[in-house]
Amino acid sequence: MDQKIRVLVAKPGLDGHDRGAKVIARALRDAGMEVVYTGLRQTPEMIVNAALQEDVQVIGLSILSGAHNAIVPRVMDLLKEKQMSDVLVIVGGIVPDEDAEQLKRLGVAAVYQPGASLEEIVEFIRSSVKQTA
């Protein structure tokens, strides 16, 4: 029997709009994944510490505030510091194409913009996470 994929969904920064994050969390849960939702206004340190404590395989960051160029690099640095480079990081939200490419160069696995298919996100996570028995 395969272990369930464990995903942490977080809303970093001061953005107070979390409807999209909740929709994603529910879609992942409905797809059979274990989902931890951290809630609003999380710092990069809070997100990485929660990911470590919850032993997740995936971190999903929902950012609508435009702060992705400040927050995501900090999350990636903290993951490296804590030797968690095997954790898949996905970003969703209002991210211009040129910024999305920069985030991918930093190690973000995928960037999803408004209108992305929930099925596409689920399948990307499933195909990207190495399952262990």
N, C-alpha and C. Protein backbone atom coordinates (compact mmCIF):
# COMPACT_ATOMS: atom_id res chain seq x y z
N MET A 1 0.83 -1.19 0.00
CA MET A 1 0.00 0.00 0.00
C MET A 1 0.88 1.25 0.00
N ASP A 2 0.61 2.15 -0.90
CA ASP A 2 1.39 3.38 -0.96
C ASP A 2 0.99 4.33 0.15
N GLN A 3 1.98 5.07 0.65
CA GLN A 3 1.71 6.13 1.61
C GLN A 3 1.00 7.26 0.89
N LYS A 4 0.15 7.97 1.62
CA LYS A 4 -0.48 9.14 1.03
C LYS A 4 0.56 10.25 0.89
N ILE A 5 0.42 11.02 -0.17
CA ILE A 5 1.27 12.19 -0.36
C ILE A 5 0.84 13.24 0.66
N ARG A 6 1.83 13.81 1.37
CA ARG A 6 1.55 14.83 2.39
C ARG A 6 1.91 16.20 1.82
N VAL A 7 0.93 17.11 1.83
CA VAL A 7 1.10 18.44 1.25
C VAL A 7 0.79 19.51 2.29
N LEU A 8 1.66 20.50 2.39
CA LEU A 8 1.40 21.67 3.23
C LEU A 8 0.99 22.81 2.30
N VAL A 9 -0.17 23.38 2.55
CA VAL A 9 -0.65 24.53 1.78
C VAL A 9 -0.54 25.74 2.68
N ALA A 10 0.14 26.79 2.21
CA ALA A 10 0.39 27.96 3.05
C ALA A 10 0.08 29.26 2.31
N LYS A 11 -0.32 30.25 3.08
CA LYS A 11 -0.58 31.61 2.59
C LYS A 11 0.45 32.53 3.22
N PRO A 12 1.59 32.73 2.57
CA PRO A 12 2.62 33.59 3.15
C PRO A 12 2.31 35.07 2.96
N GLY A 13 2.91 35.87 3.82
CA GLY A 13 2.80 37.32 3.67
C GLY A 13 1.51 37.87 4.23
N LEU A 14 1.21 39.09 3.85
CA LEU A 14 0.09 39.83 4.42
C LEU A 14 -1.21 39.67 3.66
N ASP A 15 -1.18 38.93 2.56
CA ASP A 15 -2.37 38.71 1.75
C ASP A 15 -3.44 38.00 2.58
N GLY A 16 -4.63 38.54 2.63
CA GLY A 16 -5.70 37.96 3.43
C GLY A 16 -6.72 37.17 2.65
N HIS A 17 -6.46 36.87 1.39
CA HIS A 17 -7.41 36.16 0.54
C HIS A 17 -7.00 34.71 0.41
N ASP A 18 -7.75 33.82 1.02
CA ASP A 18 -7.32 32.42 1.00
C ASP A 18 -8.32 31.46 0.35
N ARG A 19 -9.28 31.99 -0.38
CA ARG A 19 -10.26 31.11 -1.02
C ARG A 19 -9.59 30.13 -1.98
N GLY A 20 -8.67 30.63 -2.80
CA GLY A 20 -7.97 29.76 -3.74
C GLY A 20 -7.18 28.68 -3.04
N ALA A 21 -6.50 29.02 -1.95
CA ALA A 21 -5.72 28.04 -1.20
C ALA A 21 -6.64 26.96 -0.64
N LYS A 22 -7.82 27.36 -0.17
CA LYS A 22 -8.76 26.39 0.38
C LYS A 22 -9.33 25.49 -0.71
N VAL A 23 -9.55 26.05 -1.91
CA VAL A 23 -10.02 25.24 -3.03
C VAL A 23 -8.97 24.20 -3.40
N ILE A 24 -7.72 24.63 -3.47
CA ILE A 24 -6.63 23.70 -3.78
C ILE A 24 -6.51 22.63 -2.70
N ALA A 25 -6.54 23.05 -1.44
CA ALA A 25 -6.43 22.09 -0.33
C ALA A 25 -7.52 21.03 -0.41
N ARG A 26 -8.73 21.46 -0.69
CA ARG A 26 -9.84 20.51 -0.79
C ARG A 26 -9.66 19.57 -1.99
N ALA A 27 -9.23 20.11 -3.12
CA ALA A 27 -9.01 19.27 -4.31
C ALA A 27 -7.94 18.22 -4.05
N LEU A 28 -6.86 18.61 -3.38
CA LEU A 28 -5.80 17.66 -3.07
C LEU A 28 -6.29 16.59 -2.10
N ARG A 29 -7.05 17.03 -1.10
CA ARG A 29 -7.62 16.08 -0.13
C ARG A 29 -8.56 15.11 -0.84
N ASP A 30 -9.42 15.65 -1.72
CA ASP A 30 -10.36 14.80 -2.44
C ASP A 30 -9.65 13.83 -3.37
N ALA A 31 -8.41 14.17 -3.76
CA ALA A 31 -7.61 13.29 -4.62
C ALA A 31 -6.84 12.26 -3.79
N GLY A 32 -7.08 12.25 -2.47
CA GLY A 32 -6.46 11.23 -1.63
C GLY A 32 -5.18 11.64 -0.93
N MET A 33 -4.83 12.90 -1.00
CA MET A 33 -3.62 13.36 -0.34
C MET A 33 -3.94 13.85 1.07
N GLU A 34 -2.94 13.79 1.94
CA GLU A 34 -3.08 14.38 3.27
C GLU A 34 -2.66 15.83 3.14
N VAL A 35 -3.52 16.74 3.59
CA VAL A 35 -3.26 18.16 3.43
C VAL A 35 -3.24 18.86 4.78
N VAL A 36 -2.21 19.67 4.98
CA VAL A 36 -2.10 20.52 6.16
C VAL A 36 -2.21 21.95 5.65
N TYR A 37 -3.20 22.67 6.13
CA TYR A 37 -3.38 24.07 5.73
C TYR A 37 -2.95 24.94 6.91
N THR A 38 -1.98 25.81 6.70
CA THR A 38 -1.42 26.59 7.80
C THR A 38 -2.19 27.86 8.11
N GLY A 39 -3.06 28.29 7.20
CA GLY A 39 -3.80 29.52 7.44
C GLY A 39 -3.07 30.74 6.88
N LEU A 40 -3.62 31.90 7.21
CA LEU A 40 -3.14 33.17 6.67
C LEU A 40 -1.89 33.69 7.37
N ARG A 41 -1.21 34.59 6.66
CA ARG A 41 -0.12 35.41 7.19
C ARG A 41 1.03 34.62 7.79
N GLN A 42 1.48 33.64 7.03
CA GLN A 42 2.60 32.81 7.47
C GLN A 42 3.92 33.39 6.99
N THR A 43 4.92 33.34 7.84
CA THR A 43 6.26 33.75 7.44
C THR A 43 6.96 32.57 6.78
N PRO A 44 8.01 32.82 6.00
CA PRO A 44 8.76 31.69 5.45
C PRO A 44 9.26 30.73 6.54
N GLU A 45 9.69 31.29 7.67
CA GLU A 45 10.17 30.44 8.76
C GLU A 45 9.06 29.55 9.31
N MET A 46 7.87 30.12 9.47
CA MET A 46 6.73 29.34 9.96
C MET A 46 6.38 28.23 8.98
N ILE A 47 6.43 28.52 7.71
CA ILE A 47 6.08 27.54 6.67
C ILE A 47 7.07 26.39 6.67
N VAL A 48 8.35 26.70 6.66
CA VAL A 48 9.36 25.64 6.61
C VAL A 48 9.35 24.82 7.90
N ASN A 49 9.18 25.47 9.04
CA ASN A 49 9.11 24.73 10.30
C ASN A 49 7.90 23.79 10.32
N ALA A 50 6.75 24.26 9.82
CA ALA A 50 5.57 23.41 9.76
C ALA A 50 5.80 22.24 8.80
N ALA A 51 6.45 22.50 7.69
CA ALA A 51 6.75 21.43 6.73
C ALA A 51 7.65 20.37 7.36
N LEU A 52 8.61 20.82 8.13
CA LEU A 52 9.51 19.89 8.82
C LEU A 52 8.75 19.08 9.86
N GLN A 53 7.97 19.75 10.68
CA GLN A 53 7.21 19.06 11.73
C GLN A 53 6.18 18.09 11.17
N GLU A 54 5.56 18.46 10.08
CA GLU A 54 4.51 17.62 9.49
C GLU A 54 5.06 16.58 8.52
N ASP A 55 6.36 16.63 8.25
CA ASP A 55 7.03 15.66 7.37
C ASP A 55 6.33 15.58 6.00
N VAL A 56 6.16 16.75 5.38
CA VAL A 56 5.47 16.80 4.09
C VAL A 56 6.44 16.56 2.93
N GLN A 57 5.86 16.16 1.82
CA GLN A 57 6.63 15.96 0.60
C GLN A 57 6.49 17.15 -0.34
N VAL A 58 5.43 17.95 -0.12
CA VAL A 58 5.12 19.06 -1.02
C VAL A 58 4.72 20.28 -0.19
N ILE A 59 5.20 21.45 -0.62
CA ILE A 59 4.74 22.72 -0.07
C ILE A 59 4.08 23.47 -1.21
N GLY A 60 2.84 23.88 -1.00
CA GLY A 60 2.13 24.71 -1.96
C GLY A 60 1.97 26.10 -1.37
N LEU A 61 2.52 27.10 -2.04
CA LEU A 61 2.44 28.48 -1.59
C LEU A 61 1.44 29.23 -2.45
N SER A 62 0.45 29.84 -1.82
CA SER A 62 -0.55 30.63 -2.53
C SER A 62 -0.27 32.10 -2.25
N ILE A 63 0.13 32.82 -3.31
CA ILE A 63 0.54 34.22 -3.13
C ILE A 63 -0.19 35.10 -4.15
N LEU A 64 -1.01 36.00 -3.63
CA LEU A 64 -1.72 36.93 -4.50
C LEU A 64 -1.22 38.35 -4.33
N SER A 65 -0.35 38.57 -3.36
CA SER A 65 0.04 39.93 -2.97
C SER A 65 1.14 40.53 -3.83
N GLY A 66 1.78 39.73 -4.67
CA GLY A 66 2.90 40.23 -5.45
C GLY A 66 4.23 40.12 -4.72
N ALA A 67 4.23 39.50 -3.55
CA ALA A 67 5.45 39.38 -2.75
C ALA A 67 6.23 38.10 -3.04
N HIS A 68 5.89 37.41 -4.11
CA HIS A 68 6.53 36.13 -4.41
C HIS A 68 8.04 36.24 -4.59
N ASN A 69 8.53 37.36 -5.14
CA ASN A 69 9.98 37.51 -5.36
C ASN A 69 10.76 37.70 -4.07
N ALA A 70 10.08 38.05 -2.98
CA ALA A 70 10.73 38.17 -1.68
C ALA A 70 10.52 36.91 -0.84
N ILE A 71 9.32 36.37 -0.88
CA ILE A 71 8.97 35.24 0.00
C ILE A 71 9.54 33.91 -0.49
N VAL A 72 9.35 33.61 -1.76
CA VAL A 72 9.75 32.30 -2.27
C VAL A 72 11.26 32.06 -2.16
N PRO A 73 12.12 33.02 -2.52
CA PRO A 73 13.56 32.77 -2.33
C PRO A 73 13.92 32.46 -0.88
N ARG A 74 13.25 33.14 0.06
CA ARG A 74 13.52 32.88 1.48
C ARG A 74 13.09 31.46 1.87
N VAL A 75 11.94 31.02 1.39
CA VAL A 75 11.49 29.65 1.65
C VAL A 75 12.49 28.65 1.09
N MET A 76 12.94 28.89 -0.13
CA MET A 76 13.89 27.97 -0.76
C MET A 76 15.21 27.92 0.02
N ASP A 77 15.68 29.09 0.47
CA ASP A 77 16.91 29.14 1.28
C ASP A 77 16.76 28.37 2.58
N LEU A 78 15.63 28.54 3.25
CA LEU A 78 15.39 27.84 4.51
C LEU A 78 15.30 26.33 4.31
N LEU A 79 14.69 25.91 3.21
CA LEU A 79 14.63 24.48 2.92
C LEU A 79 16.04 23.90 2.75
N LYS A 80 16.89 24.64 2.06
CA LYS A 80 18.27 24.19 1.89
C LYS A 80 19.01 24.13 3.22
N GLU A 81 18.83 25.17 4.05
CA GLU A 81 19.48 25.22 5.36
C GLU A 81 19.08 24.03 6.22
N LYS A 82 17.83 23.62 6.13
CA LYS A 82 17.32 22.52 6.95
C LYS A 82 17.45 21.17 6.23
N GLN A 83 18.19 21.15 5.15
CA GLN A 83 18.44 19.94 4.37
C GLN A 83 17.13 19.26 3.94
N MET A 84 16.22 20.08 3.43
CA MET A 84 14.92 19.60 2.97
C MET A 84 14.77 19.83 1.47
N SER A 85 15.85 19.67 0.74
CA SER A 85 15.82 19.96 -0.69
C SER A 85 14.97 18.95 -1.47
N ASP A 86 14.56 17.86 -0.82
CA ASP A 86 13.71 16.88 -1.50
C ASP A 86 12.23 17.26 -1.46
N VAL A 87 11.88 18.34 -0.75
CA VAL A 87 10.50 18.78 -0.68
C VAL A 87 10.16 19.56 -1.96
N LEU A 88 9.11 19.15 -2.61
CA LEU A 88 8.65 19.79 -3.85
C LEU A 88 7.93 21.09 -3.49
N VAL A 89 8.30 22.19 -4.13
CA VAL A 89 7.66 23.47 -3.86
C VAL A 89 6.89 23.90 -5.11
N ILE A 90 5.62 24.24 -4.89
CA ILE A 90 4.74 24.70 -5.95
C ILE A 90 4.18 26.05 -5.52
N VAL A 91 4.11 26.99 -6.47
CA VAL A 91 3.58 28.32 -6.18
C VAL A 91 2.35 28.55 -7.04
N GLY A 92 1.33 29.12 -6.43
CA GLY A 92 0.14 29.48 -7.17
C GLY A 92 -0.26 30.91 -6.85
N GLY A 93 -0.83 31.58 -7.82
CA GLY A 93 -1.29 32.93 -7.58
C GLY A 93 -1.00 33.86 -8.73
N ILE A 94 -0.97 35.14 -8.41
CA ILE A 94 -0.72 36.18 -9.41
C ILE A 94 0.79 36.33 -9.58
N VAL A 95 1.33 35.60 -10.55
CA VAL A 95 2.77 35.60 -10.79
C VAL A 95 3.00 35.84 -12.28
N PRO A 96 3.58 36.96 -12.66
CA PRO A 96 3.88 37.20 -14.07
C PRO A 96 4.79 36.12 -14.65
N ASP A 97 4.67 35.86 -15.94
CA ASP A 97 5.45 34.79 -16.58
C ASP A 97 6.95 34.91 -16.33
N GLU A 98 7.49 36.15 -16.44
CA GLU A 98 8.94 36.31 -16.24
C GLU A 98 9.35 36.00 -14.80
N ASP A 99 8.48 36.32 -13.84
CA ASP A 99 8.76 35.97 -12.45
C ASP A 99 8.65 34.47 -12.23
N ALA A 100 7.70 33.84 -12.90
CA ALA A 100 7.54 32.39 -12.79
C ALA A 100 8.80 31.68 -13.24
N GLU A 101 9.40 32.15 -14.32
CA GLU A 101 10.64 31.53 -14.81
C GLU A 101 11.77 31.70 -13.80
N GLN A 102 11.85 32.87 -13.18
CA GLN A 102 12.87 33.11 -12.15
C GLN A 102 12.66 32.19 -10.95
N LEU A 103 11.42 32.01 -10.54
CA LEU A 103 11.13 31.12 -9.41
C LEU A 103 11.53 29.68 -9.73
N LYS A 104 11.29 29.27 -10.95
CA LYS A 104 11.69 27.92 -11.37
C LYS A 104 13.20 27.76 -11.34
N ARG A 105 13.93 28.82 -11.70
CA ARG A 105 15.39 28.76 -11.63
C ARG A 105 15.88 28.61 -10.19
N LEU A 106 15.08 29.10 -9.24
CA LEU A 106 15.43 28.97 -7.82
C LEU A 106 15.11 27.58 -7.27
N GLY A 107 14.39 26.78 -8.05
CA GLY A 107 14.08 25.43 -7.61
C GLY A 107 12.60 25.13 -7.43
N VAL A 108 11.73 26.10 -7.69
CA VAL A 108 10.30 25.86 -7.62
C VAL A 108 9.92 24.89 -8.74
N ALA A 109 9.16 23.87 -8.41
CA ALA A 109 8.84 22.83 -9.39
C ALA A 109 7.82 23.30 -10.42
N ALA A 110 6.85 24.11 -9.98
CA ALA A 110 5.80 24.57 -10.90
C ALA A 110 5.17 25.84 -10.35
N VAL A 111 4.69 26.67 -11.28
CA VAL A 111 3.96 27.88 -10.92
C VAL A 111 2.62 27.84 -11.64
N TYR A 112 1.55 27.95 -10.86
CA TYR A 112 0.20 27.91 -11.42
C TYR A 112 -0.44 29.28 -11.26
N GLN A 113 -0.96 29.79 -12.37
CA GLN A 113 -1.60 31.09 -12.39
C GLN A 113 -3.12 30.91 -12.34
N PRO A 114 -3.87 31.99 -12.11
CA PRO A 114 -5.33 31.87 -12.05
C PRO A 114 -5.88 31.13 -13.27
N GLY A 115 -6.84 30.26 -13.01
CA GLY A 115 -7.46 29.48 -14.07
C GLY A 115 -6.81 28.14 -14.30
N ALA A 116 -5.75 27.83 -13.57
CA ALA A 116 -5.10 26.52 -13.73
C ALA A 116 -6.08 25.41 -13.35
N SER A 117 -5.97 24.31 -14.02
CA SER A 117 -6.84 23.17 -13.79
C SER A 117 -6.45 22.45 -12.50
N LEU A 118 -7.44 22.16 -11.66
CA LEU A 118 -7.18 21.41 -10.44
C LEU A 118 -6.63 20.02 -10.77
N GLU A 119 -7.15 19.41 -11.82
CA GLU A 119 -6.69 18.08 -12.23
C GLU A 119 -5.22 18.13 -12.65
N GLU A 120 -4.83 19.20 -13.33
CA GLU A 120 -3.43 19.35 -13.75
C GLU A 120 -2.52 19.44 -12.53
N ILE A 121 -2.94 20.18 -11.51
CA ILE A 121 -2.13 20.32 -10.30
C ILE A 121 -2.01 18.98 -9.58
N VAL A 122 -3.13 18.28 -9.43
CA VAL A 122 -3.13 16.97 -8.77
C VAL A 122 -2.20 16.01 -9.51
N GLU A 123 -2.33 15.95 -10.82
CA GLU A 123 -1.50 15.02 -11.60
C GLU A 123 -0.02 15.40 -11.54
N PHE A 124 0.28 16.70 -11.55
CA PHE A 124 1.68 17.12 -11.44
C PHE A 124 2.28 16.64 -10.12
N ILE A 125 1.54 16.83 -9.04
CA ILE A 125 2.05 16.40 -7.74
C ILE A 125 2.23 14.89 -7.73
N ARG A 126 1.24 14.16 -8.17
CA ARG A 126 1.33 12.69 -8.18
C ARG A 126 2.53 12.19 -9.00
N SER A 127 2.74 12.81 -10.14
CA SER A 127 3.83 12.33 -11.00
C SER A 127 5.20 12.80 -10.52
N SER A 128 5.22 13.83 -9.68
CA SER A 128 6.51 14.40 -9.23
C SER A 128 6.99 13.83 -7.90
N VAL A 129 6.08 13.36 -7.09
CA VAL A 129 6.47 12.85 -5.77
C VAL A 129 6.80 11.37 -5.88
N LYS A 130 7.96 11.04 -5.40
CA LYS A 130 8.37 9.63 -5.40
C LYS A 130 7.67 8.94 -4.25
N GLN A 131 6.88 7.95 -4.60
CA GLN A 131 6.15 7.20 -3.57
C GLN A 131 7.06 6.16 -2.92
N THR A 132 6.90 6.04 -1.61
CA THR A 132 7.62 5.00 -0.88
C THR A 132 6.60 4.10 -0.22
N ALA A 133 6.90 2.85 -0.21
CA ALA A 133 5.95 1.89 0.39
C ALA A 133 6.02 1.89 1.89
